[in-house]
Amino acid sequence: MVKLGQRAKDSISGFEGIVTGRTDYLNGCVKVLIEQIGLTKDGKVDDGVWFDEQRVVATKGKGFEATKRVSATAGGPMPLPPR
């Protein structure tokens, strides 16, 4: 099982990057989103690719260690939504 922010690789295609998303489906399928590190040959940012979790392995190398979740109250006071 890979964690968010870890560097990972798809064992079939060889696609490698940072795990930036994870989703659990009702049928038990778990998928992870891997985003490529760096730019493409054209100098563009590639979209991430979703893979079944069973195909993905964590790799050595620096990941994104600074993954922190910001609480909902970090943005300051907010008005209540209308009812």
Protein backbone atom coordinates (compact mmCIF):
# COMPACT_ATOMS: atom_id res chain seq x y z
CA MET A 1 0.00 0.00 0.00
CA VAL A 2 1.39 3.37 -1.00
CA LYS A 3 0.75 6.60 0.87
CA LEU A 4 -0.05 10.07 -0.38
CA GLY A 5 3.12 12.00 -1.13
CA GLN A 6 5.22 8.87 -1.76
CA ARG A 7 7.15 8.32 -4.93
CA ALA A 8 5.65 5.31 -6.73
CA LYS A 9 5.75 3.37 -9.97
CA ASP A 10 3.21 1.35 -11.94
CA SER A 11 4.66 -2.15 -12.16
CA ILE A 12 3.19 -2.80 -15.64
CA SER A 13 3.71 0.41 -17.63
CA GLY A 14 6.68 1.79 -15.68
CA PHE A 15 4.97 5.18 -15.20
CA GLU A 16 6.58 6.87 -12.20
CA GLY A 17 5.79 9.90 -10.09
CA ILE A 18 4.26 11.13 -6.85
CA VAL A 19 1.03 9.70 -5.42
CA THR A 20 -1.35 12.66 -5.16
CA GLY A 21 -4.76 10.99 -4.88
CA ARG A 22 -6.49 7.87 -3.66
CA THR A 23 -10.07 6.71 -4.06
CA ASP A 24 -12.07 3.78 -2.65
CA TYR A 25 -15.05 2.53 -4.64
CA LEU A 26 -18.10 0.73 -3.27
CA ASN A 27 -17.12 -2.47 -5.07
CA GLY A 28 -13.81 -2.58 -3.18
CA CYS A 29 -11.62 -1.25 -6.00
CA VAL A 30 -8.89 1.11 -4.79
CA LYS A 31 -7.15 3.42 -7.25
CA VAL A 32 -4.26 5.82 -6.78
CA LEU A 33 -3.38 8.89 -8.83
CA ILE A 34 0.26 9.23 -9.85
CA GLU A 35 1.46 12.56 -11.21
CA GLN A 36 4.64 12.74 -13.27
CA ILE A 37 7.62 14.56 -11.82
CA GLY A 38 8.83 17.39 -14.01
CA LEU A 39 7.70 18.48 -17.46
CA THR A 40 7.19 16.58 -20.71
CA LYS A 41 9.59 16.92 -23.66
CA ASP A 42 7.35 19.75 -24.90
CA GLY A 43 7.75 21.64 -21.62
CA LYS A 44 4.17 20.99 -20.52
CA VAL A 45 2.69 19.54 -17.35
CA ASP A 46 1.19 16.08 -17.83
CA ASP A 47 -2.08 15.05 -16.22
CA GLY A 48 -1.95 12.41 -13.54
CA VAL A 49 -2.86 8.80 -14.30
CA TRP A 50 -5.10 6.54 -12.18
CA PHE A 51 -3.87 2.99 -11.49
CA ASP A 52 -5.25 0.05 -9.52
CA GLU A 53 -3.49 -0.02 -6.17
CA GLN A 54 -2.33 -3.63 -6.66
CA ARG A 55 -0.20 -2.50 -9.64
CA VAL A 56 1.56 0.32 -7.81
CA VAL A 57 4.76 -0.10 -5.82
CA ALA A 58 6.57 2.48 -3.72
CA THR A 59 10.00 3.38 -5.07
CA LYS A 60 13.05 4.82 -3.42
CA GLY A 61 13.68 8.46 -3.92
CA LYS A 62 12.47 11.71 -2.52
CA GLY A 63 8.72 12.04 -2.44
CA PHE A 64 6.62 14.93 -1.25
CA GLU A 65 7.18 14.79 2.49
CA ALA A 66 5.41 18.07 3.22
CA THR A 67 1.92 16.65 2.76
CA LYS A 68 -0.20 18.39 5.38
CA ARG A 69 -3.94 18.72 5.47
CA VAL A 70 -5.20 22.16 6.40
CA SER A 71 -8.15 22.23 8.74
CA ALA A 72 -11.35 23.92 7.64
CA THR A 73 -10.89 26.60 10.32
CA ALA A 74 -7.50 27.73 9.01
CA GLY A 75 -9.10 30.23 6.63
CA GLY A 76 -10.54 32.50 9.30
CA PRO A 77 -14.15 33.31 10.16
CA MET A 78 -16.67 32.53 7.45
CA PRO A 79 -20.34 33.44 7.26
CA LEU A 80 -22.89 30.71 7.78
CA PRO A 81 -24.49 29.47 4.55
CA PRO A 82 -28.10 30.58 3.96
CA ARG A 83 -30.81 28.13 4.99
